[in-house]
Amino acid sequence: MPRKTSAKISNKQPDFETALAELETLVETLEQGDISLEESLKLFERGVNLTRNCQKALQEAEQKVQILLEKSGEPEEFETNEQ
């Protein structure tokens, strides 16, 4: 018998941390694979929307940091762990 998902599906835009937590829950639910195809598609669609919102929030935060660094008159290079 398919298990009912506990993931809330909402149309409002949550803050970054809430969206990220909801994405984690959606992924866990989808990975279990014991929900209907229709429910999986709904959760996937919600996940895509949450991902877009998170990306937008990160871009806005990056822009704010750039503005603050430019206003301070001393833009600095941040070290990254990318290889």
Protein backbone atom coordinates (compact mmCIF):
# COMPACT_ATOMS: atom_id res chain seq x y z
CA MET A 1 0.00 0.00 0.00
CA PRO A 2 1.50 3.39 -0.97
CA ARG A 3 2.56 5.50 1.96
CA LYS A 4 1.10 8.98 2.19
CA THR A 5 3.72 11.68 2.02
CA SER A 6 4.15 14.07 4.89
CA ALA A 7 5.60 16.77 2.65
CA LYS A 8 3.48 19.86 2.50
CA ILE A 9 2.77 21.27 -0.92
CA SER A 10 2.25 24.99 -0.79
CA ASN A 11 2.13 27.72 -3.40
CA LYS A 12 3.59 30.46 -1.19
CA GLN A 13 7.31 31.16 -1.35
CA PRO A 14 9.15 30.11 1.83
CA ASP A 15 12.38 31.67 3.05
CA PHE A 16 15.65 30.08 1.97
CA GLU A 17 16.15 27.83 5.00
CA THR A 18 12.55 26.59 4.94
CA ALA A 19 12.74 25.92 1.20
CA LEU A 20 15.98 23.98 1.61
CA ALA A 21 14.52 21.86 4.41
CA GLU A 22 11.42 21.16 2.32
CA LEU A 23 13.62 20.17 -0.63
CA GLU A 24 15.45 17.68 1.56
CA THR A 25 12.13 16.18 2.65
CA LEU A 26 10.91 15.98 -0.96
CA VAL A 27 14.08 14.21 -2.05
CA GLU A 28 13.80 11.68 0.76
CA THR A 29 10.16 11.01 -0.11
CA LEU A 30 10.90 10.61 -3.81
CA GLU A 31 13.89 8.34 -3.14
CA GLN A 32 11.71 5.94 -1.14
CA GLY A 33 9.68 5.34 -4.29
CA ASP A 34 6.52 4.19 -2.56
CA ILE A 35 4.21 6.96 -3.76
CA SER A 36 2.12 7.14 -6.90
CA LEU A 37 3.44 8.54 -10.16
CA GLU A 38 0.98 11.42 -9.92
CA GLU A 39 2.14 12.33 -6.41
CA SER A 40 5.79 11.96 -7.49
CA LEU A 41 5.22 14.43 -10.33
CA LYS A 42 3.58 16.92 -7.96
CA LEU A 43 6.49 16.66 -5.54
CA PHE A 44 9.00 16.97 -8.37
CA GLU A 45 7.27 20.10 -9.66
CA ARG A 46 7.30 21.58 -6.16
CA GLY A 47 10.99 20.74 -5.90
CA VAL A 48 11.76 22.53 -9.15
CA ASN A 49 9.93 25.64 -7.90
CA LEU A 50 11.73 25.53 -4.55
CA THR A 51 15.08 25.14 -6.32
CA ARG A 52 14.38 28.20 -8.46
CA ASN A 53 13.44 30.21 -5.38
CA CYS A 54 16.63 29.13 -3.61
CA GLN A 55 18.75 30.05 -6.61
CA LYS A 56 17.08 33.46 -6.78
CA ALA A 57 17.68 34.04 -3.05
CA LEU A 58 21.35 33.10 -3.42
CA GLN A 59 21.78 35.44 -6.39
CA GLU A 60 20.18 38.29 -4.45
CA ALA A 61 22.44 37.63 -1.47
CA GLU A 62 25.49 37.60 -3.74
CA GLN A 63 24.46 40.94 -5.24
CA LYS A 64 24.05 42.45 -1.77
CA VAL A 65 27.50 41.25 -0.76
CA GLN A 66 28.97 42.77 -3.94
CA ILE A 67 27.28 46.10 -3.23
CA LEU A 68 28.52 46.11 0.36
CA LEU A 69 32.06 45.32 -0.73
CA GLU A 70 31.99 48.05 -3.36
CA LYS A 71 30.66 50.58 -0.82
CA SER A 72 33.47 49.73 1.60
CA GLY A 73 35.93 50.74 -1.10
CA GLU A 74 38.01 47.65 -0.58
CA PRO A 75 36.64 44.74 -2.58
CA GLU A 76 38.37 41.57 -1.53
CA GLU A 77 38.80 38.24 -3.20
CA PHE A 78 37.14 35.42 -1.31
CA GLU A 79 38.88 32.08 -1.28
CA THR A 80 36.81 29.21 -2.56
CA ASN A 81 37.24 25.48 -2.18
CA GLU A 82 36.58 24.88 -5.87
CA GLN A 83 39.26 23.03 -7.76
